[in-house]
Structures are given as structure tokens and as C-alpha cells.
Amino acid sequence: MKNTLRLLCFLALPLAAQGATHANDFPTVDRVLYVQECIAAHPGTSTFEMTNKCSCALDALAKEVTYAQYVDLSTASKATTIGGERGGYIRDSEKLQADVKRYRALQAKVTKGCFIGPADGR
């Protein structure tokens, strides 16, 4: 019985480590920037409340995608607002538009899950 328990613990260790690594591979500065942007998008709500809700959203997002995926998705999403020819490249690329759609869907999922209301559009 002891050997079986040891074997199970030994086999579960890599799975536990893998989950922890995936959700925590976002650099601290990027976590801070995400939370600050989220708070700024929701003025009029207490900073304490939004700090907790926005941190929740980033933690949930980090469970869904790796940091590298987050950078690609969020960059494509933000780049769609670039005007002119440079922004047209982003808007015309099917792959990048799929990334934008995925990022927005993930954002909607995590904001709903963390009880964040709609942004004010700033």
C-alpha cells in the first residue's frame, strides 16, 4: 500500500508542476500592466475591488494561455486600432483576425468569471 501511494505521488508530481508553471509564467511587470489597464478601464469603481477583480482575470487568463500566446493575442488585438496602411495589414490578415477573436473571447470569459462589468471604453 505504501509503495502504491508513493508511486501515485511520484506520477502526479510532474502534472502538478506543469500546471503551476503554465499559470505562473507571466512576468510580474506584465501582470502589473494588465491589472493597471483593467483598473483604468473601469473608473468609478473602488481601486481595491478592481485590483482584486483584475488580478483574478489575469490569473484566469494565464490558466488558458501561455505568456507567449498572450503576447501574440493581445498584440494583435491592440494593433487593430492602428490607422492607415499599417493597421490594414492586421485587419486584413485572417490569422491575426482569428487571434483577435480568440483574445476577445478569452477576455469576455475571464471578465465574466471574475465579475467585472463592462469597460467604459476609454
C-alpha atoms as a PDB file:
ATOM      1  CA  MET A   1       0.000   0.000   0.000  1.00  0.00           C
ATOM      2  CA  LYS A   2       2.812   2.423   0.878  1.00  0.00           C
ATOM      3  CA  ASN A   3       4.549   1.704  -2.404  1.00  0.00           C
ATOM      4  CA  THR A   4       1.355   2.324  -4.359  1.00  0.00           C
ATOM      5  CA  LEU A   5       0.847   5.649  -2.614  1.00  0.00           C
ATOM      6  CA  ARG A   6       4.451   6.661  -3.287  1.00  0.00           C
ATOM      7  CA  LEU A   7       4.088   5.707  -6.936  1.00  0.00           C
ATOM      8  CA  LEU A   8       0.907   7.774  -7.291  1.00  0.00           C
ATOM      9  CA  CYS A   9       2.555  10.793  -5.667  1.00  0.00           C
ATOM     10  CA  PHE A  10       5.602  10.384  -7.882  1.00  0.00           C
ATOM     11  CA  LEU A  11       3.460  10.218 -11.024  1.00  0.00           C
ATOM     12  CA  ALA A  12       1.316  13.208 -10.018  1.00  0.00           C
ATOM     13  CA  LEU A  13       4.283  15.481  -9.275  1.00  0.00           C
ATOM     14  CA  PRO A  14       5.064  16.388 -12.912  1.00  0.00           C
ATOM     15  CA  LEU A  15       1.391  17.186 -13.545  1.00  0.00           C
ATOM     16  CA  ALA A  16       1.223  19.490 -10.539  1.00  0.00           C
ATOM     17  CA  ALA A  17       4.444  21.216 -11.543  1.00  0.00           C
ATOM     18  CA  GLN A  18       3.281  21.622 -15.137  1.00  0.00           C
ATOM     19  CA  GLY A  19       0.019  23.319 -14.103  1.00  0.00           C
ATOM     20  CA  ALA A  20       1.814  25.659 -11.724  1.00  0.00           C
ATOM     21  CA  THR A  21       4.389  26.633 -14.329  1.00  0.00           C
ATOM     22  CA  HIS A  22       1.841  27.351 -17.046  1.00  0.00           C
ATOM     23  CA  ALA A  23      -0.288  29.652 -14.903  1.00  0.00           C
ATOM     24  CA  ASN A  24       2.688  31.492 -13.438  1.00  0.00           C
ATOM     25  CA  ASP A  25       4.887  32.106 -16.452  1.00  0.00           C
ATOM     26  CA  PHE A  26       3.719  35.710 -16.878  1.00  0.00           C
ATOM     27  CA  PRO A  27       6.412  38.204 -15.839  1.00  0.00           C
ATOM     28  CA  THR A  28       5.485  40.403 -12.897  1.00  0.00           C
ATOM     29  CA  VAL A  29       5.712  43.623 -14.902  1.00  0.00           C
ATOM     30  CA  ASP A  30       3.215  42.310 -17.448  1.00  0.00           C
ATOM     31  CA  ARG A  31       0.869  41.215 -14.677  1.00  0.00           C
ATOM     32  CA  VAL A  32       1.047  44.715 -13.190  1.00  0.00           C
ATOM     33  CA  LEU A  33       0.437  46.379 -16.561  1.00  0.00           C
ATOM     34  CA  TYR A  34      -2.577  44.156 -17.260  1.00  0.00           C
ATOM     35  CA  VAL A  35      -4.117  44.957 -13.878  1.00  0.00           C
ATOM     36  CA  GLN A  36      -3.408  48.694 -14.272  1.00  0.00           C
ATOM     37  CA  GLU A  37      -5.037  48.760 -17.725  1.00  0.00           C
ATOM     38  CA  CYS A  38      -8.026  46.846 -16.384  1.00  0.00           C
ATOM     39  CA  ILE A  39      -8.433  49.243 -13.450  1.00  0.00           C
ATOM     40  CA  ALA A  40      -8.131  52.275 -15.751  1.00  0.00           C
ATOM     41  CA  ALA A  41     -10.875  50.857 -17.987  1.00  0.00           C
ATOM     42  CA  HIS A  42     -13.268  50.789 -15.006  1.00  0.00           C
ATOM     43  CA  PRO A  43     -13.172  54.222 -13.362  1.00  0.00           C
ATOM     44  CA  GLY A  44     -15.615  54.937 -10.593  1.00  0.00           C
ATOM     45  CA  THR A  45     -15.162  51.511  -9.027  1.00  0.00           C
ATOM     46  CA  SER A  46     -13.020  51.191  -5.931  1.00  0.00           C
ATOM     47  CA  THR A  47      -9.374  50.562  -6.683  1.00  0.00           C
ATOM     48  CA  PHE A  48      -9.244  47.783  -4.100  1.00  0.00           C
ATOM     49  CA  GLU A  49     -12.197  45.998  -5.673  1.00  0.00           C
ATOM     50  CA  MET A  50     -10.857  46.348  -9.210  1.00  0.00           C
ATOM     51  CA  THR A  51      -7.344  45.288  -8.187  1.00  0.00           C
ATOM     52  CA  ASN A  52      -8.777  42.020  -6.924  1.00  0.00           C
ATOM     53  CA  LYS A  53     -11.113  41.501  -9.866  1.00  0.00           C
ATOM     54  CA  CYS A  54      -8.476  42.372 -12.462  1.00  0.00           C
ATOM     55  CA  SER A  55      -5.907  40.137 -10.774  1.00  0.00           C
ATOM     56  CA  CYS A  56      -8.489  37.354 -10.857  1.00  0.00           C
ATOM     57  CA  ALA A  57      -8.982  37.954 -14.580  1.00  0.00           C
ATOM     58  CA  LEU A  58      -5.273  37.750 -15.321  1.00  0.00           C
ATOM     59  CA  ASP A  59      -4.888  34.590 -13.249  1.00  0.00           C
ATOM     60  CA  ALA A  60      -7.783  33.032 -15.175  1.00  0.00           C
ATOM     61  CA  LEU A  61      -6.282  34.164 -18.484  1.00  0.00           C
ATOM     62  CA  ALA A  62      -2.897  32.715 -17.523  1.00  0.00           C
ATOM     63  CA  LYS A  63      -4.567  29.349 -16.978  1.00  0.00           C
ATOM     64  CA  GLU A  64      -5.915  29.441 -20.531  1.00  0.00           C
ATOM     65  CA  VAL A  65      -2.826  30.529 -22.488  1.00  0.00           C
ATOM     66  CA  THR A  66       0.927  30.687 -22.079  1.00  0.00           C
ATOM     67  CA  TYR A  67       2.651  34.035 -21.789  1.00  0.00           C
ATOM     68  CA  ALA A  68       3.929  33.788 -25.381  1.00  0.00           C
ATOM     69  CA  GLN A  69       0.387  33.145 -26.620  1.00  0.00           C
ATOM     70  CA  TYR A  70      -0.895  36.048 -24.527  1.00  0.00           C
ATOM     71  CA  VAL A  71       1.675  38.393 -26.086  1.00  0.00           C
ATOM     72  CA  ASP A  72       0.676  37.322 -29.616  1.00  0.00           C
ATOM     73  CA  LEU A  73      -3.053  37.545 -28.961  1.00  0.00           C
ATOM     74  CA  SER A  74      -3.029  40.828 -27.054  1.00  0.00           C
ATOM     75  CA  THR A  75      -0.642  42.457 -29.534  1.00  0.00           C
ATOM     76  CA  ALA A  76      -2.894  41.535 -32.454  1.00  0.00           C
ATOM     77  CA  SER A  77      -5.917  42.843 -30.558  1.00  0.00           C
ATOM     78  CA  LYS A  78      -4.286  46.158 -29.706  1.00  0.00           C
ATOM     79  CA  ALA A  79      -2.830  46.542 -33.207  1.00  0.00           C
ATOM     80  CA  THR A  80      -6.253  46.522 -34.860  1.00  0.00           C
ATOM     81  CA  THR A  81      -6.668  50.128 -33.709  1.00  0.00           C
ATOM     82  CA  ILE A  82      -3.640  51.312 -35.720  1.00  0.00           C
ATOM     83  CA  GLY A  83      -4.880  53.530 -38.502  1.00  0.00           C
ATOM     84  CA  GLY A  84      -3.847  53.542 -42.126  1.00  0.00           C
ATOM     85  CA  GLU A  85      -1.895  51.007 -44.101  1.00  0.00           C
ATOM     86  CA  ARG A  86      -0.007  49.527 -41.146  1.00  0.00           C
ATOM     87  CA  GLY A  87      -3.240  48.764 -39.327  1.00  0.00           C
ATOM     88  CA  GLY A  88      -4.765  47.484 -42.543  1.00  0.00           C
ATOM     89  CA  TYR A  89      -2.265  44.634 -42.567  1.00  0.00           C
ATOM     90  CA  ILE A  90      -3.591  43.477 -39.190  1.00  0.00           C
ATOM     91  CA  ARG A  91      -7.214  43.955 -40.175  1.00  0.00           C
ATOM     92  CA  ASP A  92      -6.732  42.098 -43.487  1.00  0.00           C
ATOM     93  CA  SER A  93      -4.864  39.091 -42.078  1.00  0.00           C
ATOM     94  CA  GLU A  94      -7.193  36.154 -41.435  1.00  0.00           C
ATOM     95  CA  LYS A  95      -4.740  34.604 -38.955  1.00  0.00           C
ATOM     96  CA  LEU A  96      -4.398  37.818 -36.971  1.00  0.00           C
ATOM     97  CA  GLN A  97      -8.154  38.375 -37.008  1.00  0.00           C
ATOM     98  CA  ALA A  98      -8.582  34.851 -35.624  1.00  0.00           C
ATOM     99  CA  ASP A  99      -6.122  35.807 -32.863  1.00  0.00           C
ATOM    100  CA  VAL A 100      -8.102  38.977 -32.135  1.00  0.00           C
ATOM    101  CA  LYS A 101     -11.338  36.998 -31.972  1.00  0.00           C
ATOM    102  CA  ARG A 102      -9.774  34.403 -29.640  1.00  0.00           C
ATOM    103  CA  TYR A 103      -8.336  37.119 -27.365  1.00  0.00           C
ATOM    104  CA  ARG A 104     -11.640  38.937 -27.125  1.00  0.00           C
ATOM    105  CA  ALA A 105     -13.450  35.680 -26.345  1.00  0.00           C
ATOM    106  CA  LEU A 106     -10.907  34.882 -23.620  1.00  0.00           C
ATOM    107  CA  GLN A 107     -11.249  38.410 -22.222  1.00  0.00           C
ATOM    108  CA  ALA A 108     -15.031  38.062 -22.136  1.00  0.00           C
ATOM    109  CA  LYS A 109     -14.760  34.708 -20.384  1.00  0.00           C
ATOM    110  CA  VAL A 110     -12.349  35.882 -17.676  1.00  0.00           C
ATOM    111  CA  THR A 111     -14.096  39.192 -17.038  1.00  0.00           C
ATOM    112  CA  LYS A 112     -17.417  37.411 -16.626  1.00  0.00           C
ATOM    113  CA  GLY A 113     -15.842  34.793 -14.373  1.00  0.00           C
ATOM    114  CA  CYS A 114     -14.309  37.488 -12.162  1.00  0.00           C
ATOM    115  CA  PHE A 115     -17.472  39.639 -12.057  1.00  0.00           C
ATOM    116  CA  ILE A 116     -16.002  42.588 -13.955  1.00  0.00           C
ATOM    117  CA  GLY A 117     -18.585  44.830 -15.558  1.00  0.00           C
ATOM    118  CA  PRO A 118     -18.241  46.402 -18.998  1.00  0.00           C
ATOM    119  CA  ALA A 119     -15.376  48.834 -19.527  1.00  0.00           C
ATOM    120  CA  ASP A 120     -16.189  52.480 -20.081  1.00  0.00           C
ATOM    121  CA  GLY A 121     -14.468  52.461 -23.491  1.00  0.00           C
ATOM    122  CA  ARG A 122     -11.553  54.743 -22.679  1.00  0.00           C
END
